[in-house]
Amino acid sequence: MVMSFDLAQNSKVAVAVGSEFGLTSLPDKLFGTDGIRGKVGELLTPELALGVGMAAGKVWNQGQSGSRTVIIGQDSRNSSDMLAMAIASGLTAMGLEVWNIGLCPTPCVSYLTRTMGAVGGIMISASHNPPEDNGIKFFGADGTKLDSQRAIAIEKLLKDHNLRGDGHKYGKNIHHHGLTQNYQKFLSQSLPENIDFQGMRIVLDLAWGAAVEIAPQVFQELGAEVITLHHQANGDRINVNCGSTHLESMKQAIKECDAHMGFAFDGDADRVMAVDCQGNKICGDYILYLWGQYLQERGQLPNNLLVGTVMANLGFELAWQKLGGKLLRTPVGDQHVQATMWETGAMLGGEQSGHILCHHHHYSGDGIQTALHLASLTRQRGVSLAELVSQSFKPYPQMLKNVRVEDREKRLHWQECEPVTRAIAQAELAMGNQGRILVRASGTEPLIRVMVEAQNNNLVNHWTDNLVAVVEQHLA
């Protein structure tokens, strides 16, 4: 840290963040598909978090004459307190006021940023990643994820090592944990009038994460009998063999408790996976189809348009077309879905992973809200979730395998690997119009994802194994 004292200028104290803060080895691209994410102690350090807070504060200060408030929330990871406090220090050093709302889902930060008149919001979470990871997600004043121009500006300020706070303009860090009640009320109020879940037995897998307080309360207040799994905030166990990426324990609980359905959230509750009473997984494709059909019937789906990603199942797309609908595909990442929704006026979109955006209610993916509306839909239809799904569509067999590629340059530039691209071309030629292939680098984890979809399992298994072997040989 460099401290400079100039008694000739009213004893103003300036704090500069530079190479002494350990920010000399930043990656070429700091922001990924969902903010800044990485291993704590490697990429994510208190020094980086302080610098990010100061850089974001400076960006939010530019041309800003109104609000000086930034809302910060966090998940249950052991490192979240440290990162939240370091970022808050950077923000207050730049004269901004921080409202720290503590443990809460990511969509809670988005909602409160939009409704409380804040200049921006920050969520400390690595979503579905393991406990040793963490992340920093940014939201603009409208509750949507920070635009790319401001993200680039924050990166540039960090790399220029020229951030200075003014000692006469320090902000305050205020704890406002009670504000999460505003979000909880919003969730209930977004449902159809007079809806209740009386007589419904619902399992909630809370993943030891951000949903542990709010999700059970809102379902219980609506009359549901709630069985909770992994129901305490636990930074050592968040997402470990539980939550939206590990449904085994929830399937078992549904069977043992004779429950009507279950919902599994990820660590920050911006996505959800459902399981019906028969133990079948209900992914984002089914949720989009069922919710989209409901909105379509009520004339609330402009141009019968849904927005999905390149991962959306072909069976889902064909079934939606039979209803007179259209599916637009985007690259993987909710920010791409969001951008296309704004461009086209679409009101519903999302990802197969259960990250669903409904502009009728919110501008952020919201796992709890999605679960509430899916449960509400079964009540209004008067049938079980299993029956709704059986009446929807039959998905094409699809397999997704991950190959761990630690070398970041190899991972991000995998298209330059000639053996891999040749193997993909060979597979596409062999399958013709009977299937499709998607190979991509994860934006949040050190993984190359290989997805094969086809009309039969033999094709899927053969070409998935073939492509994974090539990726492992030449990139891993």
Protein backbone atom coordinates (compact mmCIF):
# COMPACT_ATOMS: atom_id res chain seq x y z
CA MET A 1 0.00 0.00 0.00
CA VAL A 2 1.27 3.49 -0.84
CA MET A 3 0.24 6.23 1.60
CA SER A 4 0.95 9.82 0.64
CA PHE A 5 0.58 12.81 2.93
CA ASP A 6 0.37 16.33 1.56
CA LEU A 7 0.01 18.83 4.40
CA ALA A 8 -0.05 21.66 1.89
CA GLN A 9 -3.39 20.42 0.52
CA ASN A 10 -5.54 20.40 3.66
CA SER A 11 -3.93 17.16 4.84
CA LYS A 12 -5.79 15.11 2.23
CA VAL A 13 -4.98 11.41 2.45
CA ALA A 14 -4.93 9.34 -0.72
CA VAL A 15 -4.76 5.56 -0.89
CA ALA A 16 -3.40 3.96 -4.04
CA VAL A 17 -3.79 0.35 -5.10
CA GLY A 18 -0.86 -0.83 -7.16
CA SER A 19 1.61 -3.67 -7.57
CA GLU A 20 2.17 -3.74 -3.80
CA PHE A 21 -1.35 -5.21 -3.54
CA GLY A 22 -0.35 -8.25 -5.57
CA LEU A 23 -2.33 -7.29 -8.65
CA THR A 24 0.53 -7.68 -11.13
CA SER A 25 -0.48 -11.14 -12.39
CA LEU A 26 -4.09 -10.60 -13.37
CA PRO A 27 -5.35 -12.78 -16.24
CA ASP A 28 -5.89 -11.17 -19.63
CA LYS A 29 -9.65 -11.36 -19.12
CA LEU A 30 -10.79 -11.03 -15.52
CA PHE A 31 -14.55 -11.10 -16.10
CA GLY A 32 -16.07 -14.39 -17.27
CA THR A 33 -19.63 -15.26 -18.19
CA ASP A 34 -20.82 -14.54 -14.64
CA GLY A 35 -18.58 -11.85 -13.18
CA ILE A 36 -15.23 -12.73 -11.62
CA ARG A 37 -14.85 -16.31 -10.43
CA GLY A 38 -11.99 -18.53 -9.32
CA LYS A 39 -10.21 -20.25 -6.47
CA VAL A 40 -9.92 -18.27 -3.27
CA GLY A 41 -6.29 -17.53 -2.41
CA GLU A 42 -5.24 -17.82 -6.05
CA LEU A 43 -7.26 -15.50 -8.27
CA LEU A 44 -9.62 -14.29 -5.56
CA THR A 45 -7.63 -12.62 -2.78
CA PRO A 46 -8.51 -9.85 -0.32
CA GLU A 47 -6.11 -7.60 -2.25
CA LEU A 48 -7.98 -8.21 -5.48
CA ALA A 49 -11.35 -7.72 -3.78
CA LEU A 50 -10.23 -4.37 -2.33
CA GLY A 51 -9.01 -3.28 -5.76
CA VAL A 52 -12.22 -4.45 -7.42
CA GLY A 53 -14.24 -2.48 -4.86
CA MET A 54 -12.25 0.68 -5.53
CA ALA A 55 -12.41 0.20 -9.31
CA ALA A 56 -16.14 -0.47 -9.27
CA GLY A 57 -16.63 2.53 -6.97
CA LYS A 58 -14.79 4.78 -9.38
CA VAL A 59 -16.81 3.50 -12.35
CA TRP A 60 -20.09 3.94 -10.48
CA ASN A 61 -19.04 7.42 -9.39
CA GLN A 62 -18.47 8.64 -12.95
CA GLY A 63 -21.35 10.79 -14.12
CA GLN A 64 -23.36 9.80 -11.05
CA SER A 65 -25.26 12.59 -9.33
CA GLY A 66 -27.99 10.56 -7.62
CA SER A 67 -27.71 7.43 -5.49
CA ARG A 68 -24.44 6.63 -3.74
CA THR A 69 -25.61 3.25 -2.42
CA VAL A 70 -24.32 -0.21 -3.36
CA ILE A 71 -26.07 -3.35 -2.09
CA ILE A 72 -23.91 -6.36 -1.22
CA GLY A 73 -25.13 -9.90 -0.52
CA GLN A 74 -23.32 -13.20 -0.16
CA ASP A 75 -23.69 -16.96 -0.04
CA SER A 76 -22.52 -19.22 2.80
CA ARG A 77 -18.92 -19.90 1.68
CA ASN A 78 -16.28 -19.43 4.33
CA SER A 79 -14.51 -16.87 2.12
CA SER A 80 -17.62 -14.77 1.45
CA ASP A 81 -17.28 -12.62 4.58
CA MET A 82 -13.67 -11.80 3.74
CA LEU A 83 -14.43 -10.87 0.14
CA ALA A 84 -17.55 -8.87 1.05
CA MET A 85 -15.65 -6.83 3.64
CA ALA A 86 -12.71 -6.20 1.32
CA ILE A 87 -14.98 -5.04 -1.50
CA ALA A 88 -16.96 -2.88 0.91
CA SER A 89 -13.69 -1.28 2.02
CA GLY A 90 -12.86 -0.43 -1.57
CA LEU A 91 -16.31 1.00 -2.23
CA THR A 92 -16.35 3.11 0.92
CA ALA A 93 -12.84 4.35 0.11
CA MET A 94 -14.37 5.80 -3.05
CA GLY A 95 -17.12 7.52 -1.09
CA LEU A 96 -19.97 5.08 -1.72
CA GLU A 97 -22.35 3.80 0.95
CA VAL A 98 -22.60 0.02 1.26
CA TRP A 99 -25.77 -1.73 2.41
CA ASN A 100 -24.70 -5.22 3.46
CA ILE A 101 -27.70 -7.55 3.47
CA GLY A 102 -25.76 -10.69 4.43
CA LEU A 103 -26.77 -14.23 3.45
CA CYS A 104 -29.26 -14.13 0.57
CA PRO A 105 -29.90 -15.49 -2.93
CA THR A 106 -28.36 -13.70 -5.91
CA PRO A 107 -31.79 -12.60 -7.24
CA CYS A 108 -32.42 -10.89 -3.90
CA VAL A 109 -29.48 -8.56 -4.58
CA SER A 110 -30.78 -7.91 -8.09
CA TYR A 111 -34.30 -7.16 -6.84
CA LEU A 112 -33.21 -4.86 -4.02
CA THR A 113 -30.76 -3.00 -6.25
CA ARG A 114 -33.60 -2.26 -8.67
CA THR A 115 -36.25 -1.38 -6.10
CA MET A 116 -34.21 0.46 -3.46
CA GLY A 117 -32.68 3.00 -5.83
CA ALA A 118 -29.10 1.74 -5.51
CA VAL A 119 -26.42 2.66 -8.04
CA GLY A 120 -25.41 -0.99 -8.24
CA GLY A 121 -25.31 -4.34 -6.51
CA ILE A 122 -22.70 -7.03 -5.81
CA MET A 123 -23.20 -10.69 -4.94
CA ILE A 124 -20.37 -12.72 -3.46
CA SER A 125 -20.89 -16.27 -4.73
CA ALA A 126 -19.56 -18.90 -7.10
CA SER A 127 -23.05 -20.26 -7.75
CA HIS A 128 -22.87 -24.07 -8.21
CA ASN A 129 -19.05 -24.26 -7.88
CA PRO A 130 -17.38 -26.13 -4.98
CA PRO A 131 -16.63 -24.50 -1.59
CA GLU A 132 -13.04 -23.56 -2.40
CA ASP A 133 -14.19 -21.30 -5.23
CA ASN A 134 -15.91 -17.95 -4.96
CA GLY A 135 -16.98 -15.12 -7.22
CA ILE A 136 -18.02 -11.50 -7.54
CA LYS A 137 -21.19 -10.76 -9.52
CA PHE A 138 -22.15 -7.20 -10.40
CA PHE A 139 -25.56 -5.68 -11.08
CA GLY A 140 -26.44 -2.32 -12.58
CA ALA A 141 -29.02 0.05 -11.12
CA ASP A 142 -31.80 -1.68 -13.09
CA GLY A 143 -31.05 -5.05 -11.47
CA THR A 144 -29.52 -6.60 -14.57
CA LYS A 145 -25.96 -7.86 -14.75
CA LEU A 146 -23.33 -5.21 -15.26
CA ASP A 147 -22.88 -4.25 -18.90
CA SER A 148 -19.65 -5.20 -20.68
CA GLN A 149 -18.47 -1.58 -21.01
CA ARG A 150 -18.39 -1.10 -17.25
CA ALA A 151 -16.82 -4.50 -16.70
CA ILE A 152 -14.04 -3.56 -19.13
CA ALA A 153 -13.61 -0.21 -17.35
CA ILE A 154 -13.20 -1.98 -13.99
CA GLU A 155 -10.58 -4.33 -15.45
CA LYS A 156 -8.68 -1.44 -16.99
CA LEU A 157 -8.55 0.50 -13.73
CA LEU A 158 -7.21 -2.57 -11.90
CA LYS A 159 -4.50 -3.16 -14.47
CA ASP A 160 -3.48 0.51 -14.59
CA HIS A 161 -2.66 0.37 -10.84
CA ASN A 162 -3.93 3.92 -10.42
CA LEU A 163 -6.82 3.84 -7.99
CA ARG A 164 -7.02 6.53 -5.36
CA GLY A 165 -9.57 7.22 -2.67
CA ASP A 166 -10.17 10.62 -1.15
CA GLY A 167 -9.97 10.71 2.65
CA HIS A 168 -12.62 13.43 2.83
CA LYS A 169 -15.25 11.32 1.03
CA TYR A 170 -15.31 7.98 2.81
CA GLY A 171 -18.63 6.17 2.71
CA LYS A 172 -20.32 3.98 5.31
CA ASN A 173 -20.87 0.23 5.57
CA ILE A 174 -24.36 -0.41 7.00
CA HIS A 175 -25.87 -3.81 7.79
CA HIS A 176 -29.43 -4.10 6.43
CA HIS A 177 -30.19 -7.81 6.85
CA GLY A 178 -33.90 -7.10 7.28
CA LEU A 179 -34.21 -6.00 3.64
CA THR A 180 -34.37 -9.65 2.58
CA GLN A 181 -37.98 -9.60 3.85
CA ASN A 182 -38.84 -7.24 0.97
CA TYR A 183 -37.63 -9.85 -1.48
CA GLN A 184 -39.51 -12.63 0.27
CA LYS A 185 -42.77 -10.67 0.02
CA PHE A 186 -42.08 -10.01 -3.66
CA LEU A 187 -41.77 -13.75 -4.31
CA SER A 188 -45.21 -14.48 -2.87
CA GLN A 189 -46.81 -11.48 -4.56
CA SER A 190 -45.55 -12.59 -7.99
CA LEU A 191 -47.86 -15.62 -7.88
CA PRO A 192 -51.48 -15.68 -9.13
CA GLU A 193 -53.91 -14.16 -6.66
CA ASN A 194 -55.26 -16.45 -3.92
CA ILE A 195 -52.95 -19.33 -4.85
CA ASP A 196 -51.97 -21.66 -2.02
CA PHE A 197 -50.09 -24.92 -1.63
CA GLN A 198 -52.31 -26.52 1.00
CA GLY A 199 -52.03 -30.30 0.87
CA MET A 200 -48.79 -30.26 -1.12
CA ARG A 201 -45.76 -32.06 0.31
CA ILE A 202 -42.61 -30.53 -1.19
CA VAL A 203 -38.93 -31.39 -0.69
CA LEU A 204 -36.43 -28.53 -0.86
CA ASP A 205 -32.69 -29.19 -1.26
CA LEU A 206 -31.06 -25.97 -0.09
CA ALA A 207 -27.46 -27.03 -0.85
CA TRP A 208 -26.13 -25.60 2.46
CA GLY A 209 -26.28 -22.26 0.64
CA ALA A 210 -28.03 -18.95 0.14
CA ALA A 211 -31.62 -20.25 0.08
CA VAL A 212 -31.64 -21.84 3.55
CA GLU A 213 -33.64 -19.07 5.22
CA ILE A 214 -35.97 -17.70 2.54
CA ALA A 215 -37.07 -20.72 0.47
CA PRO A 216 -38.60 -22.83 3.27
CA GLN A 217 -40.36 -19.81 4.77
CA VAL A 218 -42.09 -18.73 1.57
CA PHE A 219 -43.29 -22.27 0.73
CA GLN A 220 -44.55 -22.80 4.29
CA GLU A 221 -46.37 -19.46 4.32
CA LEU A 222 -48.24 -20.61 1.21
CA GLY A 223 -49.41 -23.70 3.07
CA ALA A 224 -47.05 -26.39 1.80
CA GLU A 225 -45.69 -29.16 3.99
CA VAL A 226 -41.96 -28.68 3.51
CA ILE A 227 -39.20 -31.26 3.94
CA THR A 228 -35.77 -29.62 3.82
CA LEU A 229 -32.40 -31.13 2.95
CA HIS A 230 -28.99 -29.53 3.54
CA HIS A 231 -30.90 -26.78 5.30
CA GLN A 232 -28.23 -24.82 7.18
CA ALA A 233 -25.65 -22.34 5.94
CA ASN A 234 -22.42 -24.32 5.75
CA GLY A 235 -19.41 -22.93 3.94
CA ASP A 236 -17.53 -26.22 4.04
CA ARG A 237 -20.32 -28.21 2.38
CA ILE A 238 -22.06 -25.81 -0.01
CA ASN A 239 -22.92 -27.67 -3.25
CA VAL A 240 -21.02 -30.80 -2.13
CA ASN A 241 -23.02 -33.80 -3.40
CA CYS A 242 -26.23 -31.81 -3.08
CA GLY A 243 -28.25 -29.07 -4.72
CA SER A 244 -29.18 -28.63 -8.36
CA THR A 245 -26.20 -30.60 -9.68
CA HIS A 246 -26.66 -33.63 -7.37
CA LEU A 247 -30.28 -34.79 -7.20
CA GLU A 248 -29.81 -38.26 -5.69
CA SER A 249 -30.64 -37.34 -2.08
CA MET A 250 -33.70 -35.35 -3.12
CA LYS A 251 -35.01 -38.23 -5.23
CA GLN A 252 -34.62 -40.52 -2.24
CA ALA A 253 -36.39 -38.06 0.09
CA ILE A 254 -39.31 -37.67 -2.34
CA LYS A 255 -39.74 -41.42 -2.42
CA GLU A 256 -39.41 -41.94 1.34
CA CYS A 257 -41.69 -39.01 2.24
CA ASP A 258 -44.22 -39.69 -0.54
CA ALA A 259 -43.77 -36.07 -1.63
CA HIS A 260 -45.52 -34.50 -4.62
CA MET A 261 -42.37 -32.87 -5.96
CA GLY A 262 -39.02 -31.44 -4.99
CA PHE A 263 -36.83 -28.48 -5.89
CA ALA A 264 -33.04 -28.35 -5.64
CA PHE A 265 -31.25 -25.00 -5.69
CA ASP A 266 -27.62 -24.22 -6.34
CA GLY A 267 -25.42 -22.36 -3.87
CA ASP A 268 -26.77 -18.89 -4.65
CA ALA A 269 -30.31 -19.99 -5.63
CA ASP A 270 -30.38 -18.32 -9.04
CA ARG A 271 -31.21 -21.67 -10.63
CA VAL A 272 -33.32 -24.70 -9.76
CA MET A 273 -33.85 -28.30 -10.80
CA ALA A 274 -37.17 -30.00 -10.12
CA VAL A 275 -37.96 -33.67 -9.51
CA ASP A 276 -41.48 -35.09 -9.82
CA CYS A 277 -43.14 -37.67 -7.58
CA GLN A 278 -41.80 -40.48 -9.79
CA GLY A 279 -38.21 -39.35 -9.36
CA ASN A 280 -37.81 -37.85 -12.83
CA LYS A 281 -35.54 -34.82 -13.26
CA ILE A 282 -37.31 -31.73 -14.63
CA CYS A 283 -34.65 -29.54 -16.24
CA GLY A 284 -34.89 -26.02 -17.63
CA ASP A 285 -36.20 -27.21 -21.01
CA TYR A 286 -39.33 -28.65 -19.37
CA ILE A 287 -39.74 -25.58 -17.18
CA LEU A 288 -39.59 -23.27 -20.21
CA TYR A 289 -42.07 -25.43 -22.12
CA LEU A 290 -44.61 -25.69 -19.27
CA TRP A 291 -44.36 -22.07 -18.12
CA GLY A 292 -44.29 -20.89 -21.73
CA GLN A 293 -47.43 -22.88 -22.56
CA TYR A 294 -49.20 -21.35 -19.55
CA LEU A 295 -48.25 -17.80 -20.59
CA GLN A 296 -49.10 -18.52 -24.23
CA GLU A 297 -52.63 -19.61 -23.31
CA ARG A 298 -53.14 -16.30 -21.50
CA GLY A 299 -51.77 -14.15 -24.29
CA GLN A 300 -48.78 -13.15 -22.17
CA LEU A 301 -46.03 -14.50 -24.43
CA PRO A 302 -45.26 -12.03 -27.24
CA ASN A 303 -44.95 -13.77 -30.62
CA ASN A 304 -45.04 -17.12 -28.79
CA LEU A 305 -41.29 -16.65 -28.41
CA LEU A 306 -38.97 -18.44 -26.00
CA VAL A 307 -35.23 -17.86 -25.68
CA GLY A 308 -32.97 -20.82 -24.92
CA THR A 309 -29.34 -21.68 -25.49
CA VAL A 310 -27.46 -23.99 -27.81
CA MET A 311 -27.86 -26.66 -25.10
CA ALA A 312 -31.68 -26.73 -25.40
CA ASN A 313 -32.92 -30.18 -26.42
CA LEU A 314 -34.07 -30.65 -30.00
CA GLY A 315 -37.14 -32.56 -28.79
CA PHE A 316 -38.18 -29.51 -26.78
CA GLU A 317 -37.74 -27.20 -29.76
CA LEU A 318 -39.78 -29.40 -32.10
CA ALA A 319 -42.60 -29.77 -29.55
CA TRP A 320 -42.70 -26.02 -28.96
CA GLN A 321 -42.92 -25.42 -32.71
CA LYS A 322 -45.97 -27.71 -32.82
CA LEU A 323 -47.66 -25.33 -30.41
CA GLY A 324 -47.03 -22.49 -32.83
CA GLY A 325 -44.03 -21.23 -30.90
CA LYS A 326 -40.50 -20.27 -31.81
CA LEU A 327 -37.28 -20.94 -29.90
CA LEU A 328 -34.30 -18.63 -30.33
CA ARG A 329 -30.95 -20.15 -29.33
CA THR A 330 -28.08 -18.17 -27.83
CA PRO A 331 -24.59 -19.09 -26.58
CA VAL A 332 -24.51 -20.63 -23.11
CA GLY A 333 -24.78 -18.05 -20.33
CA ASP A 334 -27.76 -16.22 -18.90
CA GLN A 335 -26.32 -12.86 -20.01
CA HIS A 336 -26.73 -14.01 -23.64
CA VAL A 337 -30.29 -15.14 -22.95
CA GLN A 338 -31.01 -11.83 -21.23
CA ALA A 339 -29.57 -9.78 -24.11
CA THR A 340 -31.68 -11.63 -26.68
CA MET A 341 -34.79 -11.20 -24.55
CA TRP A 342 -34.23 -7.43 -24.46
CA GLU A 343 -33.57 -7.32 -28.20
CA THR A 344 -36.64 -9.33 -29.21
CA GLY A 345 -39.13 -8.44 -26.49
CA ALA A 346 -39.32 -12.06 -25.34
CA MET A 347 -40.69 -12.44 -21.81
CA LEU A 348 -39.43 -15.94 -20.95
CA GLY A 349 -36.06 -17.55 -21.48
CA GLY A 350 -33.46 -19.64 -19.76
CA GLU A 351 -31.03 -22.48 -19.72
CA GLN A 352 -31.26 -26.24 -19.46
CA SER A 353 -29.40 -25.93 -16.15
CA GLY A 354 -32.51 -24.39 -14.55
CA HIS A 355 -31.51 -20.73 -14.82
CA ILE A 356 -34.84 -19.19 -15.87
CA LEU A 357 -35.63 -15.53 -16.64
CA CYS A 358 -39.21 -14.27 -16.65
CA HIS A 359 -39.48 -10.56 -17.40
CA HIS A 360 -43.05 -10.48 -16.17
CA HIS A 361 -41.60 -10.57 -12.68
CA HIS A 362 -37.83 -10.15 -12.51
CA TYR A 363 -34.71 -9.34 -14.52
CA SER A 364 -32.56 -11.96 -12.82
CA GLY A 365 -32.60 -15.73 -12.91
CA ASP A 366 -34.45 -16.77 -9.77
CA GLY A 367 -34.55 -20.38 -8.62
CA ILE A 368 -37.01 -19.83 -5.77
CA GLN A 369 -39.43 -17.86 -7.92
CA THR A 370 -39.23 -20.46 -10.69
CA ALA A 371 -39.97 -23.24 -8.19
CA LEU A 372 -42.95 -21.33 -6.81
CA HIS A 373 -44.44 -20.79 -10.25
CA LEU A 374 -43.93 -24.42 -11.26
CA ALA A 375 -45.68 -25.58 -8.09
CA SER A 376 -48.42 -23.00 -8.72
CA LEU A 377 -48.85 -24.32 -12.25
CA THR A 378 -49.58 -27.84 -11.00
CA ARG A 379 -52.15 -26.46 -8.56
CA GLN A 380 -53.89 -24.45 -11.29
CA ARG A 381 -53.87 -27.37 -13.75
CA GLY A 382 -55.13 -29.76 -11.10
CA VAL A 383 -52.63 -32.46 -12.08
CA SER A 384 -49.28 -33.66 -10.80
CA LEU A 385 -45.96 -32.40 -12.08
CA ALA A 386 -45.30 -35.88 -13.46
CA GLU A 387 -48.51 -35.72 -15.51
CA LEU A 388 -47.65 -32.26 -16.85
CA VAL A 389 -44.25 -33.49 -17.99
CA SER A 390 -45.63 -36.65 -19.60
CA GLN A 391 -47.98 -34.47 -21.67
CA SER A 392 -45.22 -32.12 -22.86
CA PHE A 393 -42.44 -33.59 -25.04
CA LYS A 394 -40.01 -36.47 -25.34
CA PRO A 395 -36.41 -35.26 -25.31
CA TYR A 396 -33.79 -36.53 -27.71
CA PRO A 397 -31.06 -38.54 -25.98
CA GLN A 398 -28.34 -36.12 -24.97
CA MET A 399 -25.06 -36.61 -23.15
CA LEU A 400 -22.80 -33.97 -21.66
CA LYS A 401 -19.32 -34.85 -20.42
CA ASN A 402 -16.76 -32.51 -18.90
CA VAL A 403 -13.03 -32.76 -19.49
CA ARG A 404 -10.85 -30.90 -17.00
CA VAL A 405 -8.33 -28.67 -18.80
CA GLU A 406 -6.26 -26.68 -16.31
CA ASP A 407 -4.26 -24.82 -18.97
CA ARG A 408 -6.36 -21.68 -19.47
CA GLU A 409 -4.92 -20.81 -22.88
CA LYS A 410 -5.53 -24.31 -24.24
CA ARG A 411 -9.05 -24.24 -22.81
CA LEU A 412 -10.06 -20.87 -24.22
CA HIS A 413 -8.48 -21.53 -27.63
CA TRP A 414 -9.46 -25.16 -28.06
CA GLN A 415 -10.75 -24.38 -31.58
CA GLU A 416 -7.13 -24.03 -32.67
CA CYS A 417 -6.46 -27.69 -31.87
CA GLU A 418 -6.66 -29.38 -35.27
CA PRO A 419 -7.20 -32.99 -34.03
CA VAL A 420 -10.24 -31.86 -31.98
CA THR A 421 -11.84 -29.86 -34.79
CA ARG A 422 -11.20 -32.73 -37.22
CA ALA A 423 -12.90 -35.22 -34.88
CA ILE A 424 -15.93 -32.92 -34.53
CA ALA A 425 -16.24 -32.55 -38.30
CA GLN A 426 -16.03 -36.32 -38.70
CA ALA A 427 -18.80 -36.87 -36.12
CA GLU A 428 -21.07 -34.25 -37.67
CA LEU A 429 -20.64 -35.78 -41.11
CA ALA A 430 -21.40 -39.26 -39.80
CA MET A 431 -24.59 -38.22 -37.94
CA GLY A 432 -25.93 -35.87 -40.59
CA ASN A 433 -29.36 -34.54 -39.60
CA GLN A 434 -29.82 -37.24 -36.95
CA GLY A 435 -27.94 -35.33 -34.30
CA ARG A 436 -25.85 -32.36 -33.27
CA ILE A 437 -22.62 -31.66 -31.38
CA LEU A 438 -21.61 -28.83 -29.11
CA VAL A 439 -18.09 -28.44 -27.72
CA ARG A 440 -17.33 -25.36 -25.64
CA ALA A 441 -15.10 -24.03 -22.88
CA SER A 442 -16.85 -23.38 -19.59
CA GLY A 443 -16.94 -19.72 -18.64
CA THR A 444 -16.89 -20.47 -14.91
CA GLU A 445 -14.81 -23.65 -14.43
CA PRO A 446 -11.60 -25.16 -15.92
CA LEU A 447 -13.60 -27.50 -18.13
CA ILE A 448 -14.18 -28.30 -21.79
CA ARG A 449 -17.80 -29.41 -22.14
CA VAL A 450 -18.65 -32.00 -24.81
CA MET A 451 -22.32 -32.46 -25.66
CA VAL A 452 -23.76 -34.90 -28.19
CA GLU A 453 -27.48 -35.14 -29.01
CA ALA A 454 -29.02 -37.66 -31.40
CA GLN A 455 -32.15 -39.67 -32.16
CA ASN A 456 -30.80 -42.81 -30.48
CA ASN A 457 -28.50 -43.64 -27.58
CA ASN A 458 -26.05 -45.67 -29.62
CA LEU A 459 -25.05 -42.62 -31.67
CA VAL A 460 -24.88 -40.46 -28.54
CA ASN A 461 -22.65 -42.86 -26.61
CA HIS A 462 -20.33 -43.62 -29.52
CA TRP A 463 -19.59 -40.03 -30.52
CA THR A 464 -19.45 -38.69 -26.98
CA ASP A 465 -16.80 -41.25 -26.01
CA ASN A 466 -14.90 -40.59 -29.23
CA LEU A 467 -14.79 -36.82 -28.80
CA VAL A 468 -13.99 -36.92 -25.08
CA ALA A 469 -11.02 -39.21 -25.80
CA VAL A 470 -9.68 -36.79 -28.40
CA VAL A 471 -10.06 -33.78 -26.10
CA GLU A 472 -8.34 -35.64 -23.24
CA GLN A 473 -5.47 -36.68 -25.47
CA HIS A 474 -4.75 -33.29 -27.02
CA LEU A 475 -5.90 -30.69 -24.45
CA ALA A 476 -6.02 -32.16 -20.94
